């Protein structure tokens, strides 16, 4: 959301990542492809992968 210019509180971002983790789980996404529930970890992974592009 921050990349879109929207301010989101850290707690709300954490809740959002948890929700998407479980949504993807119930949709049948394989475990190895599920995003972590920790928003800080997801942010670090995002930055690492962006540097590889």
Protein backbone atom coordinates (compact mmCIF):
# COMPACT_ATOMS: atom_id res chain seq x y z
CA UNK A 1 0.00 0.00 0.00
CA UNK A 2 2.92 2.31 0.78
CA UNK A 3 4.16 1.81 -2.80
CA UNK A 4 0.78 3.13 -3.96
CA UNK A 5 1.16 6.23 -1.80
CA UNK A 6 -1.30 5.11 0.87
CA UNK A 7 -0.42 5.42 4.54
CA UNK A 8 -1.15 2.25 6.50
CA UNK A 9 -0.46 1.79 10.19
CA UNK A 10 2.00 -1.02 10.99
CA UNK A 11 -0.66 -2.97 12.90
CA UNK A 12 -3.07 -2.75 9.95
CA UNK A 13 -0.34 -3.93 7.58
CA UNK A 14 0.34 -6.86 9.90
CA UNK A 15 -3.37 -7.76 9.94
CA UNK A 16 -3.53 -7.50 6.15
CA UNK A 17 -0.61 -9.91 5.69
CA UNK A 18 -2.15 -12.38 8.15
CA UNK A 19 -5.46 -12.24 6.32
CA UNK A 20 -3.82 -12.88 2.92
CA UNK A 21 -1.78 -15.72 4.36
CA UNK A 22 -4.95 -17.52 5.45
CA UNK A 23 -6.92 -16.61 2.30
CA UNK A 24 -4.18 -18.14 0.16
CA UNK A 25 -4.04 -21.18 2.43
CA UNK A 26 -7.77 -21.83 2.09
CA UNK A 27 -7.58 -21.30 -1.67
CA UNK A 28 -5.18 -24.23 -1.80
CA UNK A 29 -1.88 -22.43 -2.36
CA UNK A 30 0.98 -24.86 -1.66
CA UNK A 31 2.68 -24.21 1.67
CA UNK A 32 6.00 -23.30 0.05
CA UNK A 33 4.33 -20.42 -1.85
CA UNK A 34 2.45 -18.87 1.07
CA UNK A 35 3.61 -15.41 2.13
CA UNK A 36 4.78 -15.12 5.73
CA UNK A 37 2.39 -13.54 8.23
CA UNK A 38 5.09 -11.14 9.48
CA UNK A 39 4.84 -7.85 7.57
CA UNK A 40 8.46 -6.90 8.36
CA UNK A 41 9.74 -10.17 6.91
CA UNK A 42 7.59 -9.71 3.81
CA UNK A 43 9.00 -6.20 3.37
CA UNK A 44 12.59 -7.51 3.62
CA UNK A 45 11.86 -10.31 1.12
CA UNK A 46 10.28 -7.78 -1.26
CA UNK A 47 13.37 -5.54 -1.14
CA UNK A 48 15.76 -8.48 -1.67
CA UNK A 49 13.86 -9.70 -4.71
CA UNK A 50 13.53 -6.19 -6.16
CA UNK A 51 17.33 -5.81 -6.04
CA UNK A 52 17.68 -9.01 -8.10
CA UNK A 53 15.56 -7.65 -10.93
